[in-house]
Amino acid sequence: MPRMLDVSDEVRAEIGDEEADRLLAGESAPGSYDCTSCRTPGDPGQERTSTVLFVGDETAVLAFAHATCLPSQVVQVTEQQLQGAVRAIGGDTAAPAPANVTPEQAVLGVTSGLVLISGELHPALVVEPTAPVARPGSLGAGDDFLPLLIEQGFMPLTELSAVPPALHGWSVLLAAGQLHAVLQPNPNGGRPVAWWQAHQPLQVTDGWRSAANKHQQVLMFAAPVGSIGRQPREDLLRDALDKAAANGKLVAAALPLAGI
């Protein structure tokens, strides 16, 4: 029986016409799979299924996802991330990685949680540096973290009363049911590049993953160092976000899920 597989031109170019045709004919497609995004079972004989090719530094792995979760695409990851996605192993926290706009001493702390807006729960990422972020090339001691994000299209918030607008070109990479990176447009064109990248895939709750798949986007909130802190509960995280917004220290955007 032919499989209801979607093999994008980008994936076909990577795996070759012969392998792509074998997949579409059902010769090498799985009878069933666990979706690489939501981790629930899928059947390419019964529902539309996307082929997702993870390409590392030395190896590549072909995975499958519900077409409603992810489009067929090629995802560039580090070799370490690739192995993490294959094993689907991750700790409760992710070691933050330096952003390309931060000085060496500043790293980005990322917290995931559900945020209630207009009576509906939305998956959110809260980003806060561990030190002030200076503008590249600047010799001053000021904190330009929010101005830099506003220049990228993030919107300042004074209250969390509505979902922030979508930011074109940015996306959140959720693979093997875990958070891997926040991607931004490549200034040189081509595939997006990592703005933030987890040293180890970040485990998210089932509720967060379900909300992300429902909305097909993640709300990203960012605040300067010392504005949010590491809150142990989502209600305390929400209180900290409301306070930061009221103080004019919060920007946000809605980022598509794996919108490469």
Protein backbone atom coordinates (compact mmCIF):
# COMPACT_ATOMS: atom_id res chain seq x y z
CA MET A 1 0.00 0.00 0.00
CA PRO A 2 1.47 3.40 -0.90
CA ARG A 3 2.38 5.44 2.14
CA MET A 4 0.94 8.91 2.75
CA LEU A 5 4.42 10.37 2.95
CA ASP A 6 5.56 13.88 2.16
CA VAL A 7 9.18 14.14 1.00
CA SER A 8 10.11 17.78 0.42
CA ASP A 9 12.45 18.83 -2.38
CA GLU A 10 15.02 19.76 0.27
CA VAL A 11 14.90 16.28 1.84
CA ARG A 12 14.97 14.62 -1.61
CA ALA A 13 18.10 16.58 -2.52
CA GLU A 14 19.83 15.26 0.60
CA ILE A 15 18.81 11.59 0.45
CA GLY A 16 18.72 11.21 -3.35
CA ASP A 17 15.93 10.39 -5.80
CA GLU A 18 16.28 6.62 -5.39
CA GLU A 19 15.77 6.60 -1.63
CA ALA A 20 13.00 9.20 -1.88
CA ASP A 21 11.14 7.07 -4.43
CA ARG A 22 11.56 3.98 -2.22
CA LEU A 23 10.04 5.87 0.68
CA LEU A 24 7.09 7.09 -1.36
CA ALA A 25 6.49 3.58 -2.68
CA GLY A 26 6.42 2.23 0.85
CA GLU A 27 9.49 0.03 0.38
CA SER A 28 11.56 1.67 3.13
CA ALA A 29 8.93 3.59 5.08
CA PRO A 30 8.06 2.35 8.57
CA GLY A 31 4.77 0.60 9.25
CA SER A 32 4.38 2.86 12.28
CA TYR A 33 6.48 5.47 14.07
CA ASP A 34 6.64 7.78 17.06
CA CYS A 35 6.28 11.37 15.84
CA THR A 36 9.60 13.17 16.25
CA SER A 37 7.74 16.24 17.50
CA CYS A 38 4.86 15.14 19.74
CA ARG A 39 6.14 11.58 20.44
CA THR A 40 2.73 9.99 19.90
CA PRO A 41 2.27 7.05 17.46
CA GLY A 42 1.73 7.61 13.77
CA ASP A 43 0.91 5.41 10.79
CA PRO A 44 2.02 6.52 7.31
CA GLY A 45 -0.55 4.16 5.82
CA GLN A 46 -3.40 5.99 7.52
CA GLU A 47 -2.38 9.63 7.94
CA ARG A 48 -0.21 12.21 6.22
CA THR A 49 3.36 11.89 7.43
CA SER A 50 6.36 14.18 6.97
CA THR A 51 9.93 13.01 6.48
CA VAL A 52 12.31 15.07 8.61
CA LEU A 53 16.05 14.73 8.01
CA PHE A 54 18.33 15.72 10.88
CA VAL A 55 21.79 16.54 9.54
CA GLY A 56 24.72 16.63 11.97
CA ASP A 57 28.39 17.32 11.49
CA GLU A 58 29.16 13.79 10.30
CA THR A 59 25.90 11.84 10.17
CA ALA A 60 22.27 12.26 9.21
CA VAL A 61 19.14 10.61 10.59
CA LEU A 62 15.78 10.37 8.84
CA ALA A 63 12.81 10.69 11.18
CA PHE A 64 9.05 10.87 10.73
CA ALA A 65 6.41 13.24 12.04
CA HIS A 66 2.69 13.82 11.71
CA ALA A 67 2.21 16.32 8.89
CA THR A 68 0.06 18.33 11.32
CA CYS A 69 3.06 18.63 13.67
CA LEU A 70 5.94 19.35 11.29
CA PRO A 71 6.43 19.88 7.56
CA SER A 72 8.93 17.76 5.66
CA GLN A 73 12.25 19.54 6.06
CA VAL A 74 15.99 19.32 6.66
CA VAL A 75 17.08 20.37 10.14
CA GLN A 76 20.74 21.27 10.67
CA VAL A 77 21.89 20.31 14.19
CA THR A 78 25.15 19.64 15.95
CA GLU A 79 26.38 16.06 16.19
CA GLN A 80 25.69 16.14 19.93
CA GLN A 81 22.12 17.32 19.36
CA LEU A 82 21.64 14.66 16.71
CA GLN A 83 22.61 11.91 19.11
CA GLY A 84 20.36 13.44 21.74
CA ALA A 85 17.44 13.48 19.33
CA VAL A 86 18.04 9.86 18.37
CA ARG A 87 18.20 8.67 21.97
CA ALA A 88 15.48 11.10 23.12
CA ILE A 89 17.42 11.55 26.34
CA GLY A 90 17.52 14.82 28.22
CA GLY A 91 17.75 16.22 31.72
CA ASP A 92 15.26 18.41 33.50
CA THR A 93 17.31 21.50 32.70
CA ALA A 94 19.40 22.66 29.80
CA ALA A 95 22.78 24.25 30.16
CA PRO A 96 22.39 27.69 28.56
CA ALA A 97 24.60 28.50 25.59
CA PRO A 98 26.06 31.89 24.70
CA ALA A 99 24.09 33.91 22.19
CA ASN A 100 25.92 35.43 19.29
CA VAL A 101 25.00 38.94 20.47
CA THR A 102 26.27 38.55 24.03
CA PRO A 103 29.68 39.13 25.58
CA GLU A 104 31.53 36.06 26.78
CA GLN A 105 30.52 36.44 30.41
CA ALA A 106 26.78 36.52 29.66
CA VAL A 107 24.82 33.35 28.98
CA LEU A 108 21.11 32.99 28.33
CA GLY A 109 18.96 31.21 30.87
CA VAL A 110 15.86 29.64 29.29
CA THR A 111 12.80 28.51 31.24
CA SER A 112 9.75 26.78 29.74
CA GLY A 113 6.25 27.13 31.12
CA LEU A 114 2.58 27.55 30.27
CA VAL A 115 1.17 31.08 30.27
CA LEU A 116 -2.56 31.84 30.50
CA ILE A 117 -3.68 34.56 28.06
CA SER A 118 -7.33 35.34 27.36
CA GLY A 119 -8.44 32.14 29.07
CA GLU A 120 -6.17 29.84 27.05
CA LEU A 121 -2.85 28.20 27.93
CA HIS A 122 0.07 28.93 25.61
CA PRO A 123 3.54 27.33 25.62
CA ALA A 124 6.17 29.90 26.53
CA LEU A 125 9.93 30.28 26.78
CA VAL A 126 11.34 32.92 29.11
CA VAL A 127 14.86 34.11 28.29
CA GLU A 128 16.97 36.07 30.76
CA PRO A 129 20.74 36.67 30.52
CA THR A 130 23.00 36.10 33.52
CA ALA A 131 24.73 39.46 32.96
CA PRO A 132 24.12 42.74 31.09
CA VAL A 133 24.35 42.37 27.31
CA ALA A 134 26.34 45.04 25.49
CA ARG A 135 25.90 45.86 21.84
CA PRO A 136 28.60 44.18 19.71
CA GLY A 137 31.59 46.50 19.44
CA SER A 138 30.39 48.69 22.28
CA LEU A 139 32.83 49.64 25.01
CA GLY A 140 30.12 50.83 27.37
CA ALA A 141 28.75 48.99 30.37
CA GLY A 142 25.09 49.42 29.45
CA ASP A 143 22.54 46.67 28.86
CA ASP A 144 21.32 46.54 25.25
CA PHE A 145 19.60 43.12 25.44
CA LEU A 146 16.06 44.43 24.90
CA PRO A 147 16.98 47.07 22.26
CA LEU A 148 18.81 44.38 20.27
CA LEU A 149 15.73 42.12 20.34
CA ILE A 150 13.39 44.99 19.49
CA GLU A 151 15.55 45.69 16.43
CA GLN A 152 14.98 42.04 15.45
CA GLY A 153 11.21 42.47 15.65
CA PHE A 154 10.31 41.60 19.24
CA MET A 155 7.57 43.79 20.71
CA PRO A 156 7.75 45.59 24.08
CA LEU A 157 4.94 44.58 26.44
CA THR A 158 3.35 46.53 29.26
CA GLU A 159 0.93 43.72 30.16
CA LEU A 160 0.23 40.11 29.19
CA SER A 161 -3.30 40.67 27.90
CA ALA A 162 -2.94 39.33 24.34
CA VAL A 163 -0.78 36.96 22.34
CA PRO A 164 2.19 38.87 20.87
CA PRO A 165 2.47 39.04 17.08
CA ALA A 166 4.32 36.35 15.11
CA LEU A 167 7.94 37.05 14.20
CA HIS A 168 8.78 36.00 10.66
CA GLY A 169 11.99 34.02 10.18
CA TRP A 170 12.40 32.99 13.81
CA SER A 171 11.32 29.56 15.08
CA VAL A 172 11.57 27.08 17.93
CA LEU A 173 13.08 23.69 17.19
CA LEU A 174 11.24 20.93 19.07
CA ALA A 175 12.59 17.52 18.05
CA ALA A 176 12.14 14.08 19.60
CA GLY A 177 9.72 15.74 22.01
CA GLN A 178 12.44 18.01 23.43
CA LEU A 179 13.52 21.61 23.02
CA HIS A 180 16.74 21.99 21.04
CA ALA A 181 17.10 25.58 19.91
CA VAL A 182 15.65 28.98 19.10
CA LEU A 183 16.46 29.75 15.47
CA GLN A 184 16.84 33.14 13.81
CA PRO A 185 17.22 34.16 10.15
CA ASN A 186 20.67 33.65 8.68
CA PRO A 187 22.08 37.10 7.81
CA ASN A 188 23.89 35.49 4.87
CA GLY A 189 20.77 33.75 3.60
CA GLY A 190 20.09 30.02 3.58
CA ARG A 191 19.00 27.94 6.54
CA PRO A 192 18.26 29.63 9.86
CA VAL A 193 20.97 29.64 12.51
CA ALA A 194 20.75 29.09 16.25
CA TRP A 195 20.22 32.21 18.37
CA TRP A 196 20.07 30.01 21.48
CA GLN A 197 21.07 26.35 21.50
CA ALA A 198 20.74 23.87 24.35
CA HIS A 199 23.93 22.05 25.30
CA GLN A 200 21.63 19.16 26.18
CA PRO A 201 18.05 18.88 24.83
CA LEU A 202 15.62 20.48 27.28
CA GLN A 203 12.85 18.21 28.54
CA VAL A 204 9.43 19.87 28.44
CA THR A 205 6.21 18.72 30.07
CA ASP A 206 3.52 16.82 28.19
CA GLY A 207 1.20 19.79 28.69
CA TRP A 208 3.71 22.21 27.21
CA ARG A 209 4.35 19.94 24.22
CA SER A 210 0.62 19.44 23.64
CA ALA A 211 0.00 23.20 23.74
CA ALA A 212 2.89 23.78 21.33
CA ASN A 213 1.48 21.26 18.86
CA LYS A 214 -2.01 22.72 19.24
CA HIS A 215 -0.97 26.31 18.57
CA GLN A 216 1.98 25.45 16.27
CA GLN A 217 3.88 28.28 17.92
CA VAL A 218 5.68 29.17 21.12
CA LEU A 219 5.58 32.52 22.89
CA MET A 220 9.06 33.81 23.69
CA PHE A 221 9.45 36.39 26.42
CA ALA A 222 12.78 38.11 27.13
CA ALA A 223 13.84 40.34 30.00
CA PRO A 224 17.12 41.90 31.21
CA VAL A 225 19.24 40.25 33.88
CA GLY A 226 17.62 40.29 37.32
CA SER A 227 14.07 40.84 36.04
CA ILE A 228 12.61 37.32 36.23
CA GLY A 229 14.88 34.93 38.11
CA ARG A 230 14.56 31.14 38.29
CA GLN A 231 11.00 30.64 39.45
CA PRO A 232 10.09 27.14 40.75
CA ARG A 233 6.39 27.33 39.79
CA GLU A 234 4.46 28.60 36.79
CA ASP A 235 2.29 30.91 38.92
CA LEU A 236 5.42 32.57 40.30
CA LEU A 237 6.85 32.79 36.77
CA ARG A 238 3.67 34.53 35.61
CA ASP A 239 3.87 36.99 38.50
CA ALA A 240 7.48 37.80 37.56
CA LEU A 241 6.49 38.30 33.90
CA ASP A 242 3.63 40.64 34.88
CA LYS A 243 5.98 42.66 37.07
CA ALA A 244 8.65 42.90 34.34
CA ALA A 245 6.02 44.02 31.81
CA ALA A 246 4.67 46.68 34.18
CA ASN A 247 8.21 47.96 34.67
CA GLY A 248 8.83 48.16 30.91
CA LYS A 249 11.38 45.35 30.99
CA LEU A 250 9.73 42.70 28.80
CA VAL A 251 9.64 42.00 25.06
CA ALA A 252 7.91 39.11 23.34
CA ALA A 253 7.02 37.44 20.05
CA ALA A 254 5.19 34.34 18.85
CA LEU A 255 7.65 31.99 17.15
CA PRO A 256 6.45 29.21 14.80
CA LEU A 257 7.19 25.66 15.86
CA ALA A 258 10.13 24.36 13.82
CA GLY A 259 9.26 26.97 11.20
CA ILE A 260 12.26 26.38 8.99
